[in-house]
Amino acid sequence: MEYKVIIGWDDKNKVFFVVESDVEGLWLEHATFEGLVEKIKDAAPDLIRHNAPGGGGGALRLFREVGEPVAIHYAA
């Protein structure tokens, strides 16, 4: 299964944040894009396992609101 996460930039608060996500409960923010990616990589597999017990691995694809996608793979 593939899960899509869209990351945006909040200019007022100066943080990157999850705009939209196929991973239920994944709402994070961080001052840097790379920091947010690390937080997502840490949290998403646990949330996926919690929301879909017995689920296997999958692909987590991160998209910036503007720009190229960043593919991250995880094993649940």
PDB file of N, CA and C in Angstrom:
ATOM      1  N   MET A   1       0.847  -1.177   0.000  1.00  0.00           N
ATOM      2  CA  MET A   1       0.000   0.000   0.000  1.00  0.00           C
ATOM      3  C   MET A   1       0.892   1.239   0.000  1.00  0.00           C
ATOM      4  N   GLU A   2       0.412   2.282  -0.643  1.00  0.00           N
ATOM      5  CA  GLU A   2       1.142   3.541  -0.668  1.00  0.00           C
ATOM      6  C   GLU A   2       0.356   4.603   0.084  1.00  0.00           C
ATOM      7  N   TYR A   3       1.052   5.336   0.932  1.00  0.00           N
ATOM      8  CA  TYR A   3       0.455   6.413   1.708  1.00  0.00           C
ATOM      9  C   TYR A   3       1.066   7.729   1.259  1.00  0.00           C
ATOM     10  N   LYS A   4       0.211   8.700   1.005  1.00  0.00           N
ATOM     11  CA  LYS A   4       0.654  10.005   0.498  1.00  0.00           C
ATOM     12  C   LYS A   4       0.559  11.043   1.605  1.00  0.00           C
ATOM     13  N   VAL A   5       1.608  11.859   1.725  1.00  0.00           N
ATOM     14  CA  VAL A   5       1.646  12.952   2.694  1.00  0.00           C
ATOM     15  C   VAL A   5       2.064  14.217   1.945  1.00  0.00           C
ATOM     16  N   ILE A   6       1.298  15.273   2.098  1.00  0.00           N
ATOM     17  CA  ILE A   6       1.619  16.549   1.459  1.00  0.00           C
ATOM     18  C   ILE A   6       2.114  17.510   2.537  1.00  0.00           C
ATOM     19  N   ILE A   7       3.294  18.095   2.270  1.00  0.00           N
ATOM     20  CA  ILE A   7       3.933  19.000   3.218  1.00  0.00           C
ATOM     21  C   ILE A   7       3.865  20.423   2.676  1.00  0.00           C
ATOM     22  N   GLY A   8       3.481  21.336   3.539  1.00  0.00           N
ATOM     23  CA  GLY A   8       3.410  22.743   3.155  1.00  0.00           C
ATOM     24  C   GLY A   8       4.268  23.607   4.065  1.00  0.00           C
ATOM     25  N   TRP A   9       4.348  24.880   3.741  1.00  0.00           N
ATOM     26  CA  TRP A   9       5.110  25.856   4.507  1.00  0.00           C
ATOM     27  C   TRP A   9       4.167  26.912   5.050  1.00  0.00           C
ATOM     28  N   ASP A  10       4.215  27.162   6.353  1.00  0.00           N
ATOM     29  CA  ASP A  10       3.428  28.206   6.995  1.00  0.00           C
ATOM     30  C   ASP A  10       4.350  29.409   7.193  1.00  0.00           C
ATOM     31  N   ASP A  11       4.206  30.408   6.336  1.00  0.00           N
ATOM     32  CA  ASP A  11       5.096  31.560   6.367  1.00  0.00           C
ATOM     33  C   ASP A  11       4.923  32.375   7.648  1.00  0.00           C
ATOM     34  N   LYS A  12       3.720  32.452   8.153  1.00  0.00           N
ATOM     35  CA  LYS A  12       3.461  33.237   9.366  1.00  0.00           C
ATOM     36  C   LYS A  12       4.179  32.633  10.573  1.00  0.00           C
ATOM     37  N   ASN A  13       4.075  31.307  10.740  1.00  0.00           N
ATOM     38  CA  ASN A  13       4.683  30.640  11.891  1.00  0.00           C
ATOM     39  C   ASN A  13       6.070  30.069  11.602  1.00  0.00           C
ATOM     40  N   LYS A  14       6.497  30.173  10.339  1.00  0.00           N
ATOM     41  CA  LYS A  14       7.834  29.714   9.922  1.00  0.00           C
ATOM     42  C   LYS A  14       8.069  28.237  10.227  1.00  0.00           C
ATOM     43  N   VAL A  15       7.112  27.402   9.836  1.00  0.00           N
ATOM     44  CA  VAL A  15       7.260  25.956  10.018  1.00  0.00           C
ATOM     45  C   VAL A  15       6.748  25.213   8.785  1.00  0.00           C
ATOM     46  N   PHE A  16       7.343  24.060   8.541  1.00  0.00           N
ATOM     47  CA  PHE A  16       6.797  23.103   7.581  1.00  0.00           C
ATOM     48  C   PHE A  16       5.781  22.272   8.334  1.00  0.00           C
ATOM     49  N   PHE A  17       4.697  21.868   7.658  1.00  0.00           N
ATOM     50  CA  PHE A  17       3.658  21.109   8.347  1.00  0.00           C
ATOM     51  C   PHE A  17       2.972  20.141   7.386  1.00  0.00           C
ATOM     52  N   VAL A  18       2.286  19.159   7.943  1.00  0.00           N
ATOM     53  CA  VAL A  18       1.536  18.192   7.148  1.00  0.00           C
ATOM     54  C   VAL A  18       0.222  18.859   6.760  1.00  0.00           C
ATOM     55  N   VAL A  19       0.048  19.081   5.460  1.00  0.00           N
ATOM     56  CA  VAL A  19      -1.168  19.708   4.935  1.00  0.00           C
ATOM     57  C   VAL A  19      -2.272  18.663   4.808  1.00  0.00           C
ATOM     58  N   GLU A  20      -1.904  17.513   4.275  1.00  0.00           N
ATOM     59  CA  GLU A  20      -2.859  16.440   4.004  1.00  0.00           C
ATOM     60  C   GLU A  20      -2.115  15.122   4.106  1.00  0.00           C
ATOM     61  N   SER A  21      -2.804  14.078   4.614  1.00  0.00           N
ATOM     62  CA  SER A  21      -2.131  12.802   4.791  1.00  0.00           C
ATOM     63  C   SER A  21      -3.111  11.645   4.685  1.00  0.00           C
ATOM     64  N   ASP A  22      -2.662  10.556   4.031  1.00  0.00           N
ATOM     65  CA  ASP A  22      -3.421   9.310   4.016  1.00  0.00           C
ATOM     66  C   ASP A  22      -3.230   8.531   5.312  1.00  0.00           C
ATOM     67  N   VAL A  23      -2.276   8.951   6.132  1.00  0.00           N
ATOM     68  CA  VAL A  23      -2.003   8.302   7.412  1.00  0.00           C
ATOM     69  C   VAL A  23      -2.850   8.982   8.483  1.00  0.00           C
ATOM     70  N   GLU A  24      -3.851   8.271   8.979  1.00  0.00           N
ATOM     71  CA  GLU A  24      -4.763   8.849   9.961  1.00  0.00           C
ATOM     72  C   GLU A  24      -4.002   9.280  11.215  1.00  0.00           C
ATOM     73  N   GLY A  25      -4.204  10.533  11.628  1.00  0.00           N
ATOM     74  CA  GLY A  25      -3.585  11.051  12.837  1.00  0.00           C
ATOM     75  C   GLY A  25      -2.210  11.662  12.645  1.00  0.00           C
ATOM     76  N   LEU A  26      -1.727  11.730  11.428  1.00  0.00           N
ATOM     77  CA  LEU A  26      -0.394  12.274  11.163  1.00  0.00           C
ATOM     78  C   LEU A  26      -0.492  13.779  10.936  1.00  0.00           C
ATOM     79  N   TRP A  27      -0.318  14.545  11.993  1.00  0.00           N
ATOM     80  CA  TRP A  27      -0.364  16.007  11.915  1.00  0.00           C
ATOM     81  C   TRP A  27       0.836  16.533  12.684  1.00  0.00           C
ATOM     82  N   LEU A  28       1.885  16.863  11.964  1.00  0.00           N
ATOM     83  CA  LEU A  28       3.142  17.285  12.568  1.00  0.00           C
ATOM     84  C   LEU A  28       3.628  18.585  11.946  1.00  0.00           C
ATOM     85  N   GLU A  29       4.570  19.233  12.627  1.00  0.00           N
ATOM     86  CA  GLU A  29       5.227  20.416  12.074  1.00  0.00           C
ATOM     87  C   GLU A  29       6.653  20.459  12.591  1.00  0.00           C
ATOM     88  N   HIS A  30       7.494  21.204  11.873  1.00  0.00           N
ATOM     89  CA  HIS A  30       8.893  21.372  12.275  1.00  0.00           C
ATOM     90  C   HIS A  30       9.456  22.592  11.559  1.00  0.00           C
ATOM     91  N   ALA A  31      10.486  23.176  12.144  1.00  0.00           N
ATOM     92  CA  ALA A  31      11.089  24.379  11.567  1.00  0.00           C
ATOM     93  C   ALA A  31      11.816  24.113  10.250  1.00  0.00           C
ATOM     94  N   THR A  32      12.278  22.865  10.019  1.00  0.00           N
ATOM     95  CA  THR A  32      12.967  22.552   8.767  1.00  0.00           C
ATOM     96  C   THR A  32      12.259  21.415   8.045  1.00  0.00           C
ATOM     97  N   PHE A  33      12.408  21.393   6.726  1.00  0.00           N
ATOM     98  CA  PHE A  33      11.819  20.321   5.931  1.00  0.00           C
ATOM     99  C   PHE A  33      12.414  18.977   6.337  1.00  0.00           C
ATOM    100  N   GLU A  34      13.743  18.933   6.463  1.00  0.00           N
ATOM    101  CA  GLU A  34      14.425  17.694   6.814  1.00  0.00           C
ATOM    102  C   GLU A  34      13.997  17.192   8.188  1.00  0.00           C
ATOM    103  N   GLY A  35      13.824  18.113   9.134  1.00  0.00           N
ATOM    104  CA  GLY A  35      13.360  17.742  10.471  1.00  0.00           C
ATOM    105  C   GLY A  35      11.964  17.157  10.437  1.00  0.00           C
ATOM    106  N   LEU A  36      11.097  17.747   9.624  1.00  0.00           N
ATOM    107  CA  LEU A  36       9.736  17.220   9.506  1.00  0.00           C
ATOM    108  C   LEU A  36       9.746  15.842   8.865  1.00  0.00           C
ATOM    109  N   VAL A  37      10.574  15.646   7.852  1.00  0.00           N
ATOM    110  CA  VAL A  37      10.675  14.328   7.219  1.00  0.00           C
ATOM    111  C   VAL A  37      11.078  13.283   8.258  1.00  0.00           C
ATOM    112  N   GLU A  38      12.038  13.600   9.111  1.00  0.00           N
ATOM    113  CA  GLU A  38      12.479  12.656  10.148  1.00  0.00           C
ATOM    114  C   GLU A  38      11.344  12.348  11.123  1.00  0.00           C
ATOM    115  N   LYS A  39      10.589  13.370  11.520  1.00  0.00           N
ATOM    116  CA  LYS A  39       9.453  13.151  12.428  1.00  0.00           C
ATOM    117  C   LYS A  39       8.397  12.265  11.772  1.00  0.00           C
ATOM    118  N   ILE A  40       8.147  12.488  10.477  1.00  0.00           N
ATOM    119  CA  ILE A  40       7.167  11.680   9.757  1.00  0.00           C
ATOM    120  C   ILE A  40       7.640  10.233   9.664  1.00  0.00           C
ATOM    121  N   LYS A  41       8.923  10.040   9.319  1.00  0.00           N
ATOM    122  CA  LYS A  41       9.483   8.688   9.220  1.00  0.00           C
ATOM    123  C   LYS A  41       9.376   7.947  10.548  1.00  0.00           C
ATOM    124  N   ASP A  42       9.493   8.660  11.642  1.00  0.00           N
ATOM    125  CA  ASP A  42       9.406   8.053  12.967  1.00  0.00           C
ATOM    126  C   ASP A  42       7.961   7.719  13.348  1.00  0.00           C
ATOM    127  N   ALA A  43       7.031   8.629  13.074  1.00  0.00           N
ATOM    128  CA  ALA A  43       5.652   8.477  13.538  1.00  0.00           C
ATOM    129  C   ALA A  43       4.755   7.665  12.614  1.00  0.00           C
ATOM    130  N   ALA A  44       4.924   7.794  11.308  1.00  0.00           N
ATOM    131  CA  ALA A  44       3.981   7.189  10.356  1.00  0.00           C
ATOM    132  C   ALA A  44       3.855   5.671  10.484  1.00  0.00           C
ATOM    133  N   PRO A  45       4.948   4.910  10.544  1.00  0.00           N
ATOM    134  CA  PRO A  45       4.776   3.450  10.643  1.00  0.00           C
ATOM    135  C   PRO A  45       3.966   3.016  11.866  1.00  0.00           C
ATOM    136  N   ASP A  46       4.187   3.678  13.010  1.00  0.00           N
ATOM    137  CA  ASP A  46       3.414   3.339  14.210  1.00  0.00           C
ATOM    138  C   ASP A  46       1.939   3.666  14.033  1.00  0.00           C
ATOM    139  N   LEU A  47       1.654   4.819  13.441  1.00  0.00           N
ATOM    140  CA  LEU A  47       0.257   5.190  13.206  1.00  0.00           C
ATOM    141  C   LEU A  47      -0.416   4.231  12.227  1.00  0.00           C
ATOM    142  N   ILE A  48       0.306   3.831  11.202  1.00  0.00           N
ATOM    143  CA  ILE A  48      -0.256   2.900  10.223  1.00  0.00           C
ATOM    144  C   ILE A  48      -0.558   1.565  10.884  1.00  0.00           C
ATOM    145  N   ARG A  49       0.387   1.051  11.672  1.00  0.00           N
ATOM    146  CA  ARG A  49       0.156  -0.222  12.386  1.00  0.00           C
ATOM    147  C   ARG A  49      -1.012  -0.093  13.344  1.00  0.00           C
ATOM    148  N   HIS A  50      -1.109   1.029  14.037  1.00  0.00           N
ATOM    149  CA  HIS A  50      -2.192   1.240  15.003  1.00  0.00           C
ATOM    150  C   HIS A  50      -3.555   1.291  14.315  1.00  0.00           C
ATOM    151  N   ASN A  51      -3.617   1.945  13.168  1.00  0.00           N
ATOM    152  CA  ASN A  51      -4.888   2.128  12.472  1.00  0.00           C
ATOM    153  C   ASN A  51      -5.276   0.946  11.596  1.00  0.00           C
ATOM    154  N   ALA A  52      -4.317   0.113  11.228  1.00  0.00           N
ATOM    155  CA  ALA A  52      -4.598  -1.043  10.373  1.00  0.00           C
ATOM    156  C   ALA A  52      -3.817  -2.250  10.902  1.00  0.00           C
ATOM    157  N   PRO A  53      -4.232  -2.799  12.061  1.00  0.00           N
ATOM    158  CA  PRO A  53      -3.503  -3.928  12.634  1.00  0.00           C
ATOM    159  C   PRO A  53      -3.342  -5.061  11.631  1.00  0.00           C
ATOM    160  N   GLY A  54      -2.184  -5.685  11.652  1.00  0.00           N
ATOM    161  CA  GLY A  54      -1.922  -6.786  10.728  1.00  0.00           C
ATOM    162  C   GLY A  54      -1.418  -6.322   9.384  1.00  0.00           C
ATOM    163  N   GLY A  55      -1.341  -4.995   9.184  1.00  0.00           N
ATOM    164  CA  GLY A  55      -0.869  -4.464   7.905  1.00  0.00           C
ATOM    165  C   GLY A  55       0.617  -4.692   7.733  1.00  0.00           C
ATOM    166  N   GLY A  56       1.029  -4.868   6.503  1.00  0.00           N
ATOM    167  CA  GLY A  56       2.443  -5.087   6.223  1.00  0.00           C
ATOM    168  C   GLY A  56       3.154  -3.794   5.918  1.00  0.00           C
ATOM    169  N   GLY A  57       4.274  -3.893   5.252  1.00  0.00           N
ATOM    170  CA  GLY A  57       5.045  -2.717   4.876  1.00  0.00           C
ATOM    171  C   GLY A  57       4.350  -1.962   3.756  1.00  0.00           C
ATOM    172  N   GLY A  58       4.929  -0.878   3.401  1.00  0.00           N
ATOM    173  CA  GLY A  58       4.356  -0.085   2.328  1.00  0.00           C
ATOM    174  C   GLY A  58       5.281   1.044   1.962  1.00  0.00           C
ATOM    175  N   ALA A  59       4.800   1.915   1.145  1.00  0.00           N
ATOM    176  CA  ALA A  59       5.583   3.071   0.716  1.00  0.00           C
ATOM    177  C   ALA A  59       4.926   4.329   1.247  1.00  0.00           C
ATOM    178  N   LEU A  60       5.745   5.204   1.753  1.00  0.00           N
ATOM    179  CA  LEU A  60       5.288   6.496   2.227  1.00  0.00           C
ATOM    180  C   LEU A  60       5.864   7.521   1.277  1.00  0.00           C
ATOM    181  N   ARG A  61       5.013   8.227   0.545  1.00  0.00           N
ATOM    182  CA  ARG A  61       5.477   9.226  -0.425  1.00  0.00           C
ATOM    183  C   ARG A  61       5.135  10.605   0.095  1.00  0.00           C
ATOM    184  N   LEU A  62       6.179  11.419   0.217  1.00  0.00           N
ATOM    185  CA  LEU A  62       6.016  12.780   0.687  1.00  0.00           C
ATOM    186  C   LEU A  62       6.070  13.724  -0.503  1.00  0.00           C
ATOM    187  N   PHE A  63       5.165  14.659  -0.524  1.00  0.00           N
ATOM    188  CA  PHE A  63       5.107  15.658  -1.584  1.00  0.00           C
ATOM    189  C   PHE A  63       5.158  17.035  -0.952  1.00  0.00           C
ATOM    190  N   ARG A  64       5.938  17.912  -1.553  1.00  0.00           N
ATOM    191  CA  ARG A  64       5.866  19.320  -1.167  1.00  0.00           C
ATOM    192  C   ARG A  64       4.691  19.904  -1.929  1.00  0.00           C
ATOM    193  N   GLU A  65       4.072  20.917  -1.375  1.00  0.00           N
ATOM    194  CA  GLU A  65       2.977  21.556  -2.105  1.00  0.00           C
ATOM    195  C   GLU A  65       3.471  22.037  -3.460  1.00  0.00           C
ATOM    196  N   VAL A  66       4.745  22.389  -3.543  1.00  0.00           N
ATOM    197  CA  VAL A  66       5.378  22.792  -4.793  1.00  0.00           C
ATOM    198  C   VAL A  66       6.687  22.022  -4.883  1.00  0.00           C
ATOM    199  N   GLY A  67       6.938  21.395  -6.016  1.00  0.00           N
ATOM    200  CA  GLY A  67       8.209  20.710  -6.186  1.00  0.00           C
ATOM    201  C   GLY A  67       8.054  19.218  -6.417  1.00  0.00           C
ATOM    202  N   GLU A  68       9.179  18.538  -6.397  1.00  0.00           N
ATOM    203  CA  GLU A  68       9.227  17.107  -6.677  1.00  0.00           C
ATOM    204  C   GLU A  68       8.894  16.279  -5.441  1.00  0.00           C
ATOM    205  N   PRO A  69       8.307  15.086  -5.631  1.00  0.00           N
ATOM    206  CA  PRO A  69       8.019  14.219  -4.488  1.00  0.00           C
ATOM    207  C   PRO A  69       9.307  13.646  -3.899  1.00  0.00           C
ATOM    208  N   VAL A  70       9.231  13.312  -2.634  1.00  0.00           N
ATOM    209  CA  VAL A  70      10.333  12.670  -1.929  1.00  0.00           C
ATOM    210  C   VAL A  70       9.811  11.309  -1.475  1.00  0.00           C
ATOM    211  N   ALA A  71      10.384  10.223  -1.994  1.00  0.00           N
ATOM    212  CA  ALA A  71       9.896   8.877  -1.651  1.00  0.00           C
ATOM    213  C   ALA A  71      10.636   8.342  -0.439  1.00  0.00           C
ATOM    214  N   ILE A  72       9.902   7.825   0.516  1.00  0.00           N
ATOM    215  CA  ILE A  72      10.465   7.198   1.702  1.00  0.00           C
ATOM    216  C   ILE A  72       9.779   5.852   1.867  1.00  0.00           C
ATOM    217  N   HIS A  73      10.559   4.801   2.030  1.00  0.00           N
ATOM    218  CA  HIS A  73       9.999   3.467   2.209  1.00  0.00           C
ATOM    219  C   HIS A  73      10.173   3.037   3.653  1.00  0.00           C
ATOM    220  N   TYR A  74       9.198   2.313   4.175  1.00  0.00           N
ATOM    221  CA  TYR A  74       9.270   1.835   5.531  1.00  0.00           C
ATOM    222  C   TYR A  74       8.783   0.400   5.565  1.00  0.00           C
ATOM    223  N   ALA A  75       9.106  -0.284   6.598  1.00  0.00           N
ATOM    224  CA  ALA A  75       8.596  -1.641   6.817  1.00  0.00           C
ATOM    225  C   ALA A  75       7.816  -1.624   8.119  1.00  0.00           C
ATOM    226  N   ALA A  76       6.576  -2.019   8.052  1.00  0.00           N
ATOM    227  CA  ALA A  76       5.727  -2.017   9.251  1.00  0.00           C
ATOM    228  C   ALA A  76       5.927  -3.298  10.038  1.00  0.00           C
TER     229      ALA A  76
END
